[in-house]
Amino acid sequence: MSHMIHVDWDGHHVKLTWYPMKQISDSMTVTSVQGYCFNQNKVVLVNVRGRGFNTPGGHIENGETIEEAFHREVLEEASVRGEIHYLGVIEVSHEGNPLFVAGGKYPLVGYQAFYRMDIRECLPFRETNETSSRIWVEPELVKQVINDHELSLLVLQQALKRDECLSD
């Protein structure tokens, strides 16, 4: 079941729609990857400069698959490695955004892919250009710590459902 909200990103009025388990096709423009990484029943959040605590993730680099980008981003930002499972996408629509610039950095309609990672290796944290720290949070407390829109909690619910499936 999809869920839609409107957000204001620096004056840009954007429509976000969460589609759990929606398959990514070649025609979809995936602009970023993010996810919830679990270790010993806790979630790792990273302090991203200028944004506060959030899930690790970022943009896909040229030549990378979506999965490779997610592995790279969580290693760079959270210093962890593990097994990943696809959760779904958030459609990011600038239709109706008066500040949208055609041909700019982002497409009119793009997608953010989301994954769950079961951490297999936790390395010493290395501060990078983007992240200054990492913390481990119980899933039920994420909403009190994360600095993100409400759809991020729906993604967390999907990740926890995946956890239930894995334990069966």
N, C-alpha and C. Protein backbone atom coordinates (compact mmCIF):
# COMPACT_ATOMS: atom_id res chain seq x y z
N MET A 1 0.84 -1.18 0.00
CA MET A 1 0.00 0.00 0.00
C MET A 1 0.89 1.24 0.00
N SER A 2 0.64 2.15 -0.92
CA SER A 2 1.45 3.37 -1.01
C SER A 2 0.93 4.42 -0.03
N HIS A 3 1.84 5.32 0.35
CA HIS A 3 1.51 6.46 1.22
C HIS A 3 2.17 7.69 0.63
N MET A 4 1.42 8.80 0.60
CA MET A 4 1.92 10.02 -0.02
C MET A 4 1.90 11.19 0.97
N ILE A 5 2.96 12.01 0.91
CA ILE A 5 3.03 13.24 1.70
C ILE A 5 3.62 14.34 0.82
N HIS A 6 3.49 15.57 1.27
CA HIS A 6 4.16 16.70 0.64
C HIS A 6 5.19 17.24 1.63
N VAL A 7 6.37 17.59 1.12
CA VAL A 7 7.43 18.15 1.96
C VAL A 7 7.93 19.45 1.33
N ASP A 8 8.58 20.24 2.14
CA ASP A 8 9.21 21.47 1.68
C ASP A 8 10.71 21.30 1.88
N TRP A 9 11.43 21.14 0.78
CA TRP A 9 12.88 21.01 0.82
C TRP A 9 13.49 22.31 0.32
N ASP A 10 13.89 23.16 1.26
CA ASP A 10 14.49 24.45 0.93
C ASP A 10 13.64 25.25 -0.05
N GLY A 11 12.35 25.31 0.21
CA GLY A 11 11.44 26.07 -0.63
C GLY A 11 10.87 25.29 -1.80
N HIS A 12 11.39 24.09 -2.04
CA HIS A 12 10.87 23.24 -3.12
C HIS A 12 9.74 22.39 -2.56
N HIS A 13 8.56 22.53 -3.13
CA HIS A 13 7.41 21.74 -2.70
C HIS A 13 7.39 20.45 -3.50
N VAL A 14 7.65 19.34 -2.80
CA VAL A 14 7.86 18.05 -3.44
C VAL A 14 6.86 17.04 -2.90
N LYS A 15 6.34 16.20 -3.79
CA LYS A 15 5.43 15.13 -3.39
C LYS A 15 6.24 13.84 -3.28
N LEU A 16 6.14 13.18 -2.13
CA LEU A 16 6.83 11.91 -1.89
C LEU A 16 5.79 10.81 -1.71
N THR A 17 6.02 9.69 -2.39
CA THR A 17 5.12 8.54 -2.26
C THR A 17 5.94 7.29 -2.01
N TRP A 18 5.64 6.59 -0.91
CA TRP A 18 6.33 5.36 -0.55
C TRP A 18 5.60 4.18 -1.19
N TYR A 19 6.38 3.36 -1.93
CA TYR A 19 5.88 2.15 -2.56
C TYR A 19 6.69 0.96 -2.04
N PRO A 20 6.17 0.25 -1.02
CA PRO A 20 6.91 -0.91 -0.52
C PRO A 20 7.00 -2.00 -1.58
N MET A 21 8.18 -2.53 -1.74
CA MET A 21 8.49 -3.65 -2.63
C MET A 21 8.22 -3.38 -4.10
N LYS A 22 8.00 -2.14 -4.51
CA LYS A 22 7.82 -1.83 -5.93
C LYS A 22 9.12 -2.15 -6.66
N GLN A 23 8.99 -2.90 -7.73
CA GLN A 23 10.18 -3.30 -8.49
C GLN A 23 10.73 -2.12 -9.27
N ILE A 24 12.03 -2.01 -9.30
CA ILE A 24 12.71 -0.95 -10.03
C ILE A 24 12.90 -1.42 -11.47
N SER A 25 12.45 -0.58 -12.41
CA SER A 25 12.63 -0.91 -13.82
C SER A 25 13.72 -0.02 -14.42
N ASP A 26 14.19 -0.40 -15.59
CA ASP A 26 15.24 0.37 -16.26
C ASP A 26 14.78 1.78 -16.61
N SER A 27 13.47 1.98 -16.75
CA SER A 27 12.96 3.30 -17.12
C SER A 27 12.86 4.26 -15.92
N MET A 28 13.02 3.73 -14.70
CA MET A 28 12.94 4.57 -13.51
C MET A 28 14.29 5.22 -13.24
N THR A 29 14.26 6.48 -12.89
CA THR A 29 15.49 7.20 -12.55
C THR A 29 15.69 7.14 -11.04
N VAL A 30 16.59 6.26 -10.61
CA VAL A 30 16.91 6.15 -9.19
C VAL A 30 18.05 7.11 -8.90
N THR A 31 17.78 8.10 -8.04
CA THR A 31 18.77 9.14 -7.76
C THR A 31 19.57 8.89 -6.49
N SER A 32 19.03 8.07 -5.59
CA SER A 32 19.76 7.80 -4.35
C SER A 32 19.32 6.48 -3.73
N VAL A 33 20.12 6.03 -2.77
CA VAL A 33 19.84 4.80 -2.02
C VAL A 33 20.00 5.11 -0.53
N GLN A 34 19.19 4.48 0.28
CA GLN A 34 19.27 4.63 1.73
C GLN A 34 18.80 3.35 2.37
N GLY A 35 19.02 3.25 3.67
CA GLY A 35 18.48 2.08 4.32
C GLY A 35 18.72 2.01 5.80
N TYR A 36 18.04 1.07 6.40
CA TYR A 36 18.19 0.77 7.82
C TYR A 36 19.13 -0.41 7.97
N CYS A 37 20.16 -0.21 8.79
CA CYS A 37 21.17 -1.23 9.03
C CYS A 37 21.03 -1.71 10.47
N PHE A 38 20.87 -3.04 10.63
CA PHE A 38 20.59 -3.64 11.93
C PHE A 38 21.77 -4.47 12.44
N ASN A 39 22.01 -4.34 13.75
CA ASN A 39 23.02 -5.15 14.43
C ASN A 39 22.56 -5.34 15.87
N GLN A 40 22.41 -6.57 16.29
CA GLN A 40 21.99 -6.90 17.65
C GLN A 40 20.72 -6.15 18.05
N ASN A 41 19.73 -6.20 17.17
CA ASN A 41 18.41 -5.59 17.40
C ASN A 41 18.44 -4.08 17.56
N LYS A 42 19.48 -3.44 17.04
CA LYS A 42 19.55 -1.98 17.03
C LYS A 42 19.82 -1.50 15.62
N VAL A 43 19.44 -0.23 15.37
CA VAL A 43 19.60 0.41 14.08
C VAL A 43 20.74 1.42 14.18
N VAL A 44 21.57 1.47 13.16
CA VAL A 44 22.63 2.49 13.14
C VAL A 44 22.10 3.72 12.41
N LEU A 45 22.26 4.87 13.05
CA LEU A 45 21.97 6.16 12.43
C LEU A 45 23.26 6.96 12.40
N VAL A 46 23.42 7.78 11.37
CA VAL A 46 24.63 8.59 11.24
C VAL A 46 24.26 10.07 11.30
N ASN A 47 25.15 10.85 11.92
CA ASN A 47 24.95 12.29 12.00
C ASN A 47 25.51 12.91 10.73
N VAL A 48 24.61 13.31 9.83
CA VAL A 48 24.99 13.90 8.55
C VAL A 48 25.06 15.41 8.74
N ARG A 49 26.21 15.98 8.43
CA ARG A 49 26.38 17.42 8.62
C ARG A 49 25.28 18.21 7.92
N GLY A 50 24.64 19.10 8.68
CA GLY A 50 23.59 19.94 8.14
C GLY A 50 22.21 19.31 8.12
N ARG A 51 22.13 17.99 8.43
CA ARG A 51 20.83 17.32 8.39
C ARG A 51 20.47 16.62 9.70
N GLY A 52 21.41 16.38 10.57
CA GLY A 52 21.13 15.66 11.80
C GLY A 52 21.22 14.16 11.59
N PHE A 53 20.68 13.39 12.53
CA PHE A 53 20.77 11.94 12.45
C PHE A 53 19.80 11.39 11.42
N ASN A 54 20.31 10.46 10.62
CA ASN A 54 19.54 9.90 9.52
C ASN A 54 20.08 8.51 9.21
N THR A 55 19.42 7.83 8.29
CA THR A 55 19.92 6.54 7.81
C THR A 55 21.08 6.79 6.86
N PRO A 56 22.04 5.88 6.80
CA PRO A 56 23.11 6.05 5.82
C PRO A 56 22.59 5.88 4.39
N GLY A 57 23.20 6.59 3.49
CA GLY A 57 22.81 6.50 2.08
C GLY A 57 23.34 7.67 1.29
N GLY A 58 23.05 7.66 0.02
CA GLY A 58 23.52 8.76 -0.83
C GLY A 58 23.27 8.48 -2.29
N HIS A 59 23.98 9.23 -3.12
CA HIS A 59 23.79 9.18 -4.56
C HIS A 59 24.56 8.03 -5.21
N ILE A 60 24.05 7.61 -6.33
CA ILE A 60 24.67 6.54 -7.11
C ILE A 60 25.72 7.16 -8.01
N GLU A 61 26.91 6.58 -8.01
CA GLU A 61 27.99 7.08 -8.86
C GLU A 61 27.95 6.39 -10.22
N ASN A 62 28.53 7.05 -11.22
CA ASN A 62 28.56 6.49 -12.57
C ASN A 62 29.15 5.08 -12.56
N GLY A 63 28.47 4.17 -13.24
CA GLY A 63 28.96 2.80 -13.36
C GLY A 63 28.56 1.89 -12.22
N GLU A 64 27.94 2.41 -11.16
CA GLU A 64 27.52 1.59 -10.03
C GLU A 64 26.12 1.06 -10.24
N THR A 65 25.88 -0.14 -9.72
CA THR A 65 24.51 -0.60 -9.61
C THR A 65 23.92 0.04 -8.35
N ILE A 66 22.62 -0.06 -8.21
CA ILE A 66 21.96 0.49 -7.03
C ILE A 66 22.47 -0.21 -5.77
N GLU A 67 22.62 -1.52 -5.85
CA GLU A 67 23.09 -2.29 -4.69
C GLU A 67 24.54 -1.93 -4.34
N GLU A 68 25.39 -1.78 -5.35
CA GLU A 68 26.79 -1.39 -5.10
C GLU A 68 26.84 -0.02 -4.42
N ALA A 69 25.99 0.89 -4.86
CA ALA A 69 25.96 2.23 -4.27
C ALA A 69 25.57 2.16 -2.80
N PHE A 70 24.58 1.32 -2.48
CA PHE A 70 24.17 1.21 -1.08
C PHE A 70 25.30 0.63 -0.23
N HIS A 71 25.94 -0.43 -0.70
CA HIS A 71 27.06 -1.00 0.05
C HIS A 71 28.15 0.05 0.28
N ARG A 72 28.50 0.82 -0.76
CA ARG A 72 29.54 1.84 -0.64
C ARG A 72 29.13 2.92 0.35
N GLU A 73 27.91 3.40 0.23
CA GLU A 73 27.45 4.48 1.10
C GLU A 73 27.45 4.09 2.58
N VAL A 74 26.95 2.89 2.90
CA VAL A 74 26.92 2.50 4.32
C VAL A 74 28.33 2.26 4.85
N LEU A 75 29.23 1.80 3.99
CA LEU A 75 30.62 1.66 4.43
C LEU A 75 31.25 3.02 4.68
N GLU A 76 31.03 3.96 3.77
CA GLU A 76 31.59 5.31 3.93
C GLU A 76 30.99 6.05 5.12
N GLU A 77 29.69 5.97 5.28
CA GLU A 77 29.02 6.78 6.29
C GLU A 77 28.90 6.13 7.66
N ALA A 78 28.73 4.81 7.70
CA ALA A 78 28.50 4.13 8.98
C ALA A 78 29.60 3.12 9.34
N SER A 79 30.51 2.85 8.40
CA SER A 79 31.61 1.90 8.62
C SER A 79 31.09 0.50 8.95
N VAL A 80 30.09 0.04 8.17
CA VAL A 80 29.55 -1.30 8.35
C VAL A 80 29.43 -1.99 7.00
N ARG A 81 29.39 -3.33 7.06
CA ARG A 81 29.15 -4.16 5.88
C ARG A 81 28.14 -5.22 6.26
N GLY A 82 27.40 -5.70 5.25
CA GLY A 82 26.45 -6.75 5.55
C GLY A 82 25.66 -7.19 4.35
N GLU A 83 24.66 -7.99 4.64
CA GLU A 83 23.77 -8.55 3.62
C GLU A 83 22.57 -7.62 3.49
N ILE A 84 22.20 -7.31 2.23
CA ILE A 84 21.10 -6.37 2.04
C ILE A 84 19.86 -7.04 1.44
N HIS A 85 18.72 -6.42 1.73
CA HIS A 85 17.42 -6.87 1.24
C HIS A 85 16.64 -5.63 0.80
N TYR A 86 16.11 -5.69 -0.39
CA TYR A 86 15.36 -4.58 -0.97
C TYR A 86 14.03 -4.38 -0.23
N LEU A 87 13.66 -3.10 0.02
CA LEU A 87 12.42 -2.78 0.73
C LEU A 87 11.39 -2.05 -0.13
N GLY A 88 11.85 -1.21 -1.06
CA GLY A 88 10.92 -0.43 -1.87
C GLY A 88 11.52 0.89 -2.29
N VAL A 89 10.66 1.77 -2.81
CA VAL A 89 11.13 3.08 -3.28
C VAL A 89 10.21 4.19 -2.79
N ILE A 90 10.79 5.37 -2.68
CA ILE A 90 10.02 6.59 -2.53
C ILE A 90 10.11 7.32 -3.85
N GLU A 91 8.94 7.59 -4.44
CA GLU A 91 8.88 8.39 -5.66
C GLU A 91 8.95 9.85 -5.24
N VAL A 92 9.86 10.59 -5.86
CA VAL A 92 10.05 12.01 -5.58
C VAL A 92 9.57 12.78 -6.80
N SER A 93 8.43 13.46 -6.66
CA SER A 93 7.83 14.16 -7.78
C SER A 93 7.90 15.67 -7.58
N HIS A 94 8.49 16.33 -8.56
CA HIS A 94 8.56 17.79 -8.56
C HIS A 94 7.43 18.40 -9.39
N GLU A 95 6.49 17.56 -9.84
CA GLU A 95 5.33 18.08 -10.57
C GLU A 95 4.59 19.01 -9.61
N GLY A 96 4.34 20.22 -10.03
CA GLY A 96 3.70 21.20 -9.17
C GLY A 96 4.69 22.01 -8.34
N ASN A 97 5.99 21.76 -8.48
CA ASN A 97 7.01 22.52 -7.77
C ASN A 97 7.42 23.71 -8.64
N PRO A 98 7.03 24.93 -8.26
CA PRO A 98 7.33 26.09 -9.10
C PRO A 98 8.83 26.39 -9.21
N LEU A 99 9.64 25.86 -8.32
CA LEU A 99 11.08 26.11 -8.36
C LEU A 99 11.86 25.04 -9.13
N PHE A 100 11.16 24.03 -9.65
CA PHE A 100 11.84 22.96 -10.37
C PHE A 100 12.52 23.50 -11.62
N VAL A 101 13.76 23.04 -11.84
CA VAL A 101 14.53 23.44 -13.01
C VAL A 101 14.70 22.22 -13.91
N ALA A 102 14.06 22.25 -15.06
CA ALA A 102 14.18 21.14 -16.03
C ALA A 102 15.63 21.06 -16.49
N GLY A 103 16.14 19.83 -16.57
CA GLY A 103 17.53 19.62 -16.98
C GLY A 103 18.53 19.87 -15.87
N GLY A 104 18.04 20.07 -14.66
CA GLY A 104 18.92 20.32 -13.51
C GLY A 104 19.43 19.02 -12.90
N LYS A 105 19.79 19.11 -11.63
CA LYS A 105 20.39 17.97 -10.92
C LYS A 105 19.44 16.78 -10.78
N TYR A 106 18.15 17.05 -10.64
CA TYR A 106 17.18 15.98 -10.40
C TYR A 106 16.13 15.94 -11.51
N PRO A 107 15.60 14.74 -11.78
CA PRO A 107 14.53 14.62 -12.78
C PRO A 107 13.20 15.11 -12.21
N LEU A 108 12.24 15.33 -13.10
CA LEU A 108 10.91 15.75 -12.67
C LEU A 108 10.32 14.71 -11.72
N VAL A 109 10.50 13.43 -12.05
CA VAL A 109 10.08 12.33 -11.17
C VAL A 109 11.26 11.37 -11.05
N GLY A 110 11.72 11.19 -9.84
CA GLY A 110 12.83 10.28 -9.58
C GLY A 110 12.48 9.36 -8.42
N TYR A 111 13.42 8.49 -8.09
CA TYR A 111 13.16 7.49 -7.04
C TYR A 111 14.34 7.36 -6.10
N GLN A 112 14.03 7.13 -4.84
CA GLN A 112 15.02 6.78 -3.83
C GLN A 112 14.77 5.33 -3.46
N ALA A 113 15.78 4.48 -3.65
CA ALA A 113 15.65 3.05 -3.33
C ALA A 113 16.05 2.82 -1.88
N PHE A 114 15.32 1.92 -1.21
CA PHE A 114 15.58 1.64 0.20
C PHE A 114 15.86 0.16 0.42
N TYR A 115 16.81 -0.08 1.34
CA TYR A 115 17.24 -1.43 1.68
C TYR A 115 17.30 -1.61 3.18
N ARG A 116 17.28 -2.85 3.56
CA ARG A 116 17.59 -3.27 4.93
C ARG A 116 18.94 -3.97 4.86
N MET A 117 19.84 -3.67 5.79
CA MET A 117 21.11 -4.39 5.87
C MET A 117 21.17 -5.11 7.21
N ASP A 118 21.52 -6.38 7.16
CA ASP A 118 21.85 -7.14 8.36
C ASP A 118 23.37 -7.10 8.45
N ILE A 119 23.86 -6.36 9.42
CA ILE A 119 25.29 -6.09 9.54
C ILE A 119 26.04 -7.36 9.89
N ARG A 120 27.08 -7.63 9.13
CA ARG A 120 27.95 -8.78 9.38
C ARG A 120 29.32 -8.35 9.88
N GLU A 121 29.68 -7.09 9.60
CA GLU A 121 30.99 -6.56 10.00
C GLU A 121 30.84 -5.10 10.39
N CYS A 122 31.23 -4.79 11.62
CA CYS A 122 31.18 -3.42 12.11
C CYS A 122 32.62 -2.96 12.31
N LEU A 123 33.04 -2.01 11.51
CA LEU A 123 34.41 -1.50 11.54
C LEU A 123 34.49 -0.27 12.45
N PRO A 124 35.69 0.09 12.89
CA PRO A 124 35.81 1.33 13.66
C PRO A 124 35.28 2.51 12.84
N PHE A 125 34.50 3.37 13.48
CA PHE A 125 33.90 4.49 12.77
C PHE A 125 34.97 5.47 12.30
N ARG A 126 34.82 5.88 11.04
CA ARG A 126 35.72 6.89 10.47
C ARG A 126 34.87 8.09 10.05
N GLU A 127 35.17 9.22 10.65
CA GLU A 127 34.46 10.44 10.27
C GLU A 127 34.80 10.78 8.83
N THR A 128 33.77 11.04 8.03
CA THR A 128 33.98 11.41 6.63
C THR A 128 33.53 12.85 6.42
N ASN A 129 33.54 13.27 5.18
CA ASN A 129 33.10 14.63 4.86
C ASN A 129 31.64 14.85 5.23
N GLU A 130 30.85 13.79 5.16
CA GLU A 130 29.41 13.93 5.39
C GLU A 130 28.96 13.57 6.80
N THR A 131 29.58 12.59 7.40
CA THR A 131 29.10 12.11 8.69
C THR A 131 30.13 12.36 9.79
N SER A 132 29.62 12.78 10.95
CA SER A 132 30.51 13.08 12.07
C SER A 132 30.42 12.06 13.19
N SER A 133 29.38 11.22 13.19
CA SER A 133 29.26 10.19 14.23
C SER A 133 28.20 9.18 13.83
N ARG A 134 28.19 8.06 14.53
CA ARG A 134 27.13 7.06 14.38
C ARG A 134 26.64 6.69 15.76
N ILE A 135 25.37 6.32 15.83
CA ILE A 135 24.78 5.87 17.09
C ILE A 135 23.95 4.63 16.81
N TRP A 136 23.74 3.85 17.86
CA TRP A 136 22.92 2.64 17.78
C TRP A 136 21.64 2.89 18.56
N VAL A 137 20.50 2.69 17.91
CA VAL A 137 19.22 3.06 18.48
C VAL A 137 18.26 1.87 18.40
N GLU A 138 17.49 1.66 19.47
CA GLU A 138 16.44 0.65 19.42
C GLU A 138 15.41 1.11 18.39
N PRO A 139 14.89 0.19 17.58
CA PRO A 139 13.94 0.59 16.53
C PRO A 139 12.77 1.43 17.02
N GLU A 140 12.25 1.13 18.20
CA GLU A 140 11.10 1.89 18.70
C GLU A 140 11.45 3.32 19.10
N LEU A 141 12.74 3.65 19.20
CA LEU A 141 13.17 5.01 19.56
C LEU A 141 13.66 5.82 18.36
N VAL A 142 13.70 5.21 17.18
CA VAL A 142 14.20 5.90 15.98
C VAL A 142 13.43 7.19 15.74
N LYS A 143 12.12 7.16 15.91
CA LYS A 143 11.30 8.35 15.62
C LYS A 143 11.67 9.54 16.51
N GLN A 144 12.28 9.29 17.67
CA GLN A 144 12.69 10.37 18.56
C GLN A 144 14.05 10.94 18.19
N VAL A 145 14.80 10.22 17.34
CA VAL A 145 16.17 10.63 17.03
C VAL A 145 16.33 11.10 15.58
N ILE A 146 15.66 10.43 14.66
CA ILE A 146 15.89 10.68 13.24
C ILE A 146 15.35 12.05 12.83
N ASN A 147 16.08 12.69 11.94
CA ASN A 147 15.68 13.99 11.41
C ASN A 147 15.29 13.80 9.95
N ASP A 148 14.07 13.31 9.74
CA ASP A 148 13.62 13.00 8.39
C ASP A 148 12.10 13.08 8.35
N HIS A 149 11.53 12.95 7.18
CA HIS A 149 10.08 13.01 7.01
C HIS A 149 9.44 11.72 7.52
N GLU A 150 8.12 11.76 7.65
CA GLU A 150 7.38 10.65 8.26
C GLU A 150 7.43 9.35 7.45
N LEU A 151 7.70 9.43 6.14
CA LEU A 151 7.79 8.19 5.35
C LEU A 151 8.97 7.34 5.80
N SER A 152 9.98 7.97 6.39
CA SER A 152 11.14 7.19 6.85
C SER A 152 10.72 6.16 7.90
N LEU A 153 9.69 6.47 8.66
CA LEU A 153 9.21 5.52 9.66
C LEU A 153 8.42 4.38 9.02
N LEU A 154 7.76 4.64 7.88
CA LEU A 154 7.11 3.56 7.14
C LEU A 154 8.15 2.61 6.55
N VAL A 155 9.26 3.18 6.10
CA VAL A 155 10.37 2.35 5.59
C VAL A 155 10.91 1.49 6.72
N LEU A 156 11.05 2.06 7.91
CA LEU A 156 11.51 1.29 9.07
C LEU A 156 10.54 0.15 9.37
N GLN A 157 9.24 0.42 9.32
CA GLN A 157 8.26 -0.64 9.54
C GLN A 157 8.43 -1.77 8.53
N GLN A 158 8.69 -1.41 7.27
CA GLN A 158 8.92 -2.42 6.23
C GLN A 158 10.18 -3.22 6.54
N ALA A 159 11.22 -2.54 7.02
CA ALA A 159 12.46 -3.23 7.38
C ALA A 159 12.24 -4.19 8.54
N LEU A 160 11.42 -3.79 9.51
CA LEU A 160 11.13 -4.66 10.63
C LEU A 160 10.26 -5.85 10.22
N LYS A 161 9.38 -5.66 9.26
CA LYS A 161 8.61 -6.79 8.72
C LYS A 161 9.55 -7.80 8.09
N ARG A 162 10.56 -7.29 7.40
CA ARG A 162 11.57 -8.16 6.77
C ARG A 162 12.27 -8.96 7.87
N ASP A 163 12.51 -8.34 9.01
CA ASP A 163 13.15 -9.01 10.14
C ASP A 163 12.28 -10.17 10.63
N GLU A 164 10.97 -9.94 10.70
CA GLU A 164 10.05 -10.99 11.13
C GLU A 164 10.09 -12.17 10.16
N CYS A 165 10.16 -11.87 8.85
CA CYS A 165 10.22 -12.93 7.84
C CYS A 165 11.50 -13.73 7.96
N LEU A 166 12.61 -13.04 8.28
CA LEU A 166 13.90 -13.72 8.39
C LEU A 166 13.97 -14.63 9.60
N SER A 167 13.22 -14.28 10.67
CA SER A 167 13.28 -15.09 11.90
C SER A 167 12.33 -16.28 11.86
N ASP A 168 11.43 -16.32 10.90
CA ASP A 168 10.49 -17.45 10.80
C ASP A 168 11.19 -18.72 10.32
